[in-house]
Amino acid sequence: MKKYYITDDEIQQAEIMLREKGVGWINGKYHKPTSKQDANLLHELSAMRMIHSFIAYRPLSEKNEWIKDRYFQDYLKNLSAKRLQTLIDRAVEKVEHIGYAGTDGEGCHYNGIRWKAEC
């Protein structure tokens, strides 16, 4: 198992790995993790998806302040502040470009992240 799952593709691979172990959402039903390692990984994957949102819409120069945001409070309950900051730092290191990703049917514009590993 990798130490960090940062990009969208890496997160998807980790989720597949967990489902193969019988953990997570499978056929519309949630299966709780049976090990602390799997539980921690699920928490980290969820936190990483929130980190992606912050990276896409906030200045990278504010990355050390994100941990104080109310959206991260639930993640701090399950992950240490140090671990969460490490995940944030790792994600920021892998960013190649942040920019326009599309517009939805209501006219809202969305940003996306291009990861260095994807280039």
C-alpha atoms as a PDB file:
ATOM      1  CA  MET A   1       0.000   0.000   0.000  1.00  0.00           C
ATOM      2  CA  LYS A   2       1.260   3.488  -0.870  1.00  0.00           C
ATOM      3  CA  LYS A   3       2.006   5.990   1.853  1.00  0.00           C
ATOM      4  CA  TYR A   4       0.012   8.792   0.195  1.00  0.00           C
ATOM      5  CA  TYR A   5      -2.832   8.887  -2.327  1.00  0.00           C
ATOM      6  CA  ILE A   6      -2.905  12.402  -3.731  1.00  0.00           C
ATOM      7  CA  THR A   7      -4.215  12.697  -7.281  1.00  0.00           C
ATOM      8  CA  ASP A   8      -7.714  11.768  -8.439  1.00  0.00           C
ATOM      9  CA  ASP A   9      -6.360   8.630 -10.120  1.00  0.00           C
ATOM     10  CA  GLU A  10      -4.461   7.559  -7.003  1.00  0.00           C
ATOM     11  CA  ILE A  11      -7.542   8.068  -4.831  1.00  0.00           C
ATOM     12  CA  GLN A  12      -9.630   6.023  -7.244  1.00  0.00           C
ATOM     13  CA  GLN A  13      -7.046   3.219  -7.167  1.00  0.00           C
ATOM     14  CA  ALA A  14      -7.084   3.209  -3.350  1.00  0.00           C
ATOM     15  CA  GLU A  15     -10.888   3.068  -3.300  1.00  0.00           C
ATOM     16  CA  ILE A  16     -10.828   0.094  -5.689  1.00  0.00           C
ATOM     17  CA  MET A  17      -8.272  -1.621  -3.476  1.00  0.00           C
ATOM     18  CA  LEU A  18     -10.488  -1.081  -0.424  1.00  0.00           C
ATOM     19  CA  ARG A  19     -13.605  -2.347  -2.226  1.00  0.00           C
ATOM     20  CA  GLU A  20     -11.696  -5.476  -3.229  1.00  0.00           C
ATOM     21  CA  LYS A  21     -11.094  -5.991   0.504  1.00  0.00           C
ATOM     22  CA  GLY A  22     -14.820  -5.518   1.147  1.00  0.00           C
ATOM     23  CA  VAL A  23     -14.515  -1.979   2.554  1.00  0.00           C
ATOM     24  CA  GLY A  24     -16.488   1.118   1.553  1.00  0.00           C
ATOM     25  CA  TRP A  25     -19.475   1.515  -0.741  1.00  0.00           C
ATOM     26  CA  ILE A  26     -20.195  -1.707  -2.593  1.00  0.00           C
ATOM     27  CA  ASN A  27     -23.413  -2.150  -4.600  1.00  0.00           C
ATOM     28  CA  GLY A  28     -25.103   0.716  -2.763  1.00  0.00           C
ATOM     29  CA  LYS A  29     -24.273  -0.568   0.723  1.00  0.00           C
ATOM     30  CA  TYR A  30     -21.546   0.753   3.028  1.00  0.00           C
ATOM     31  CA  HIS A  31     -19.192  -1.822   4.538  1.00  0.00           C
ATOM     32  CA  LYS A  32     -17.225  -0.588   7.554  1.00  0.00           C
ATOM     33  CA  PRO A  33     -13.486  -1.144   7.673  1.00  0.00           C
ATOM     34  CA  THR A  34     -12.363  -3.983   9.916  1.00  0.00           C
ATOM     35  CA  SER A  35      -8.845  -2.680  10.499  1.00  0.00           C
ATOM     36  CA  LYS A  36      -7.549   0.621  11.837  1.00  0.00           C
ATOM     37  CA  GLN A  37      -5.308   0.895   8.771  1.00  0.00           C
ATOM     38  CA  ASP A  38      -8.288   0.734   6.394  1.00  0.00           C
ATOM     39  CA  ALA A  39     -10.293   3.163   8.557  1.00  0.00           C
ATOM     40  CA  ASN A  40      -7.416   5.654   8.511  1.00  0.00           C
ATOM     41  CA  LEU A  41      -7.079   5.302   4.757  1.00  0.00           C
ATOM     42  CA  LEU A  42     -10.785   6.035   4.271  1.00  0.00           C
ATOM     43  CA  HIS A  43     -10.442   9.171   6.420  1.00  0.00           C
ATOM     44  CA  GLU A  44      -7.399  10.290   4.436  1.00  0.00           C
ATOM     45  CA  LEU A  45      -9.087   9.739   1.071  1.00  0.00           C
ATOM     46  CA  SER A  46     -12.080  11.774   2.199  1.00  0.00           C
ATOM     47  CA  ALA A  47      -9.804  14.536   3.510  1.00  0.00           C
ATOM     48  CA  MET A  48      -7.872  14.551   0.247  1.00  0.00           C
ATOM     49  CA  ARG A  49     -11.058  15.203  -1.724  1.00  0.00           C
ATOM     50  CA  MET A  50     -11.696  18.254   0.489  1.00  0.00           C
ATOM     51  CA  ILE A  51      -8.082  19.333   0.014  1.00  0.00           C
ATOM     52  CA  HIS A  52      -8.629  19.176  -3.757  1.00  0.00           C
ATOM     53  CA  SER A  53     -11.528  21.624  -3.417  1.00  0.00           C
ATOM     54  CA  PHE A  54      -9.421  24.052  -1.439  1.00  0.00           C
ATOM     55  CA  ILE A  55      -6.530  23.807  -3.878  1.00  0.00           C
ATOM     56  CA  ALA A  56      -8.840  24.490  -6.802  1.00  0.00           C
ATOM     57  CA  TYR A  57     -10.393  27.618  -5.298  1.00  0.00           C
ATOM     58  CA  ARG A  58      -7.935  29.158  -2.861  1.00  0.00           C
ATOM     59  CA  PRO A  59      -4.443  30.627  -3.307  1.00  0.00           C
ATOM     60  CA  LEU A  60      -1.686  28.048  -2.783  1.00  0.00           C
ATOM     61  CA  SER A  61       0.091  30.611  -0.605  1.00  0.00           C
ATOM     62  CA  GLU A  62      -2.626  30.043   2.020  1.00  0.00           C
ATOM     63  CA  LYS A  63      -2.009  26.283   2.291  1.00  0.00           C
ATOM     64  CA  ASN A  64      -0.790  26.522   5.884  1.00  0.00           C
ATOM     65  CA  GLU A  65      -4.009  28.286   6.907  1.00  0.00           C
ATOM     66  CA  TRP A  66      -6.409  25.724   5.444  1.00  0.00           C
ATOM     67  CA  ILE A  67      -6.170  23.457   8.443  1.00  0.00           C
ATOM     68  CA  LYS A  68      -7.884  26.174  10.497  1.00  0.00           C
ATOM     69  CA  ASP A  69     -10.894  26.298   8.179  1.00  0.00           C
ATOM     70  CA  ARG A  70     -14.192  24.957   9.512  1.00  0.00           C
ATOM     71  CA  TYR A  71     -14.411  22.458   6.655  1.00  0.00           C
ATOM     72  CA  PHE A  72     -11.409  20.604   8.056  1.00  0.00           C
ATOM     73  CA  GLN A  73     -12.714  20.270  11.608  1.00  0.00           C
ATOM     74  CA  ASP A  74     -14.284  16.853  10.999  1.00  0.00           C
ATOM     75  CA  TYR A  75     -11.060  15.621   9.419  1.00  0.00           C
ATOM     76  CA  LEU A  76      -9.057  16.814  12.426  1.00  0.00           C
ATOM     77  CA  LYS A  77     -11.202  14.536  14.607  1.00  0.00           C
ATOM     78  CA  ASN A  78      -9.985  11.487  12.680  1.00  0.00           C
ATOM     79  CA  LEU A  79      -6.531  12.619  11.553  1.00  0.00           C
ATOM     80  CA  SER A  80      -3.878  14.511  13.458  1.00  0.00           C
ATOM     81  CA  ALA A  81      -3.161  18.119  12.529  1.00  0.00           C
ATOM     82  CA  LYS A  82       0.333  17.023  11.508  1.00  0.00           C
ATOM     83  CA  ARG A  83      -0.990  14.292   9.192  1.00  0.00           C
ATOM     84  CA  LEU A  84      -3.552  16.646   7.651  1.00  0.00           C
ATOM     85  CA  GLN A  85      -0.887  19.301   7.031  1.00  0.00           C
ATOM     86  CA  THR A  86       1.349  16.639   5.464  1.00  0.00           C
ATOM     87  CA  LEU A  87      -1.469  15.639   3.087  1.00  0.00           C
ATOM     88  CA  ILE A  88      -2.030  19.297   2.166  1.00  0.00           C
ATOM     89  CA  ASP A  89       1.701  19.839   1.547  1.00  0.00           C
ATOM     90  CA  ARG A  90       1.989  16.679  -0.590  1.00  0.00           C
ATOM     91  CA  ALA A  91      -0.999  17.700  -2.683  1.00  0.00           C
ATOM     92  CA  VAL A  92       0.327  21.225  -3.267  1.00  0.00           C
ATOM     93  CA  GLU A  93       3.697  19.759  -4.339  1.00  0.00           C
ATOM     94  CA  LYS A  94       1.973  17.711  -7.065  1.00  0.00           C
ATOM     95  CA  VAL A  95      -0.039  20.579  -8.583  1.00  0.00           C
ATOM     96  CA  GLU A  96       0.999  21.370 -12.131  1.00  0.00           C
ATOM     97  CA  HIS A  97      -1.767  23.831 -12.975  1.00  0.00           C
ATOM     98  CA  ILE A  98      -5.101  25.073 -11.627  1.00  0.00           C
ATOM     99  CA  GLY A  99      -7.615  26.491 -14.045  1.00  0.00           C
ATOM    100  CA  TYR A 100     -10.999  26.512 -15.679  1.00  0.00           C
ATOM    101  CA  ALA A 101     -12.479  23.012 -15.980  1.00  0.00           C
ATOM    102  CA  GLY A 102     -15.948  23.707 -17.322  1.00  0.00           C
ATOM    103  CA  THR A 103     -19.379  25.246 -16.872  1.00  0.00           C
ATOM    104  CA  ASP A 104     -22.470  23.421 -15.667  1.00  0.00           C
ATOM    105  CA  GLY A 105     -26.000  23.725 -17.027  1.00  0.00           C
ATOM    106  CA  GLU A 106     -26.741  26.637 -14.668  1.00  0.00           C
ATOM    107  CA  GLY A 107     -23.765  28.664 -15.860  1.00  0.00           C
ATOM    108  CA  CYS A 108     -21.513  28.044 -12.841  1.00  0.00           C
ATOM    109  CA  HIS A 109     -17.817  27.874 -13.684  1.00  0.00           C
ATOM    110  CA  TYR A 110     -15.616  25.204 -12.117  1.00  0.00           C
ATOM    111  CA  ASN A 111     -11.881  24.952 -11.595  1.00  0.00           C
ATOM    112  CA  GLY A 112      -9.849  21.811 -11.976  1.00  0.00           C
ATOM    113  CA  ILE A 113      -6.410  20.601 -11.018  1.00  0.00           C
ATOM    114  CA  ARG A 114      -3.851  19.181 -13.404  1.00  0.00           C
ATOM    115  CA  TRP A 115      -1.396  17.055 -11.480  1.00  0.00           C
ATOM    116  CA  LYS A 116       2.316  16.826 -12.320  1.00  0.00           C
ATOM    117  CA  ALA A 117       2.039  13.041 -12.600  1.00  0.00           C
ATOM    118  CA  GLU A 118      -0.595  13.483 -15.325  1.00  0.00           C
ATOM    119  CA  CYS A 119       1.588  15.587 -17.620  1.00  0.00           C
END
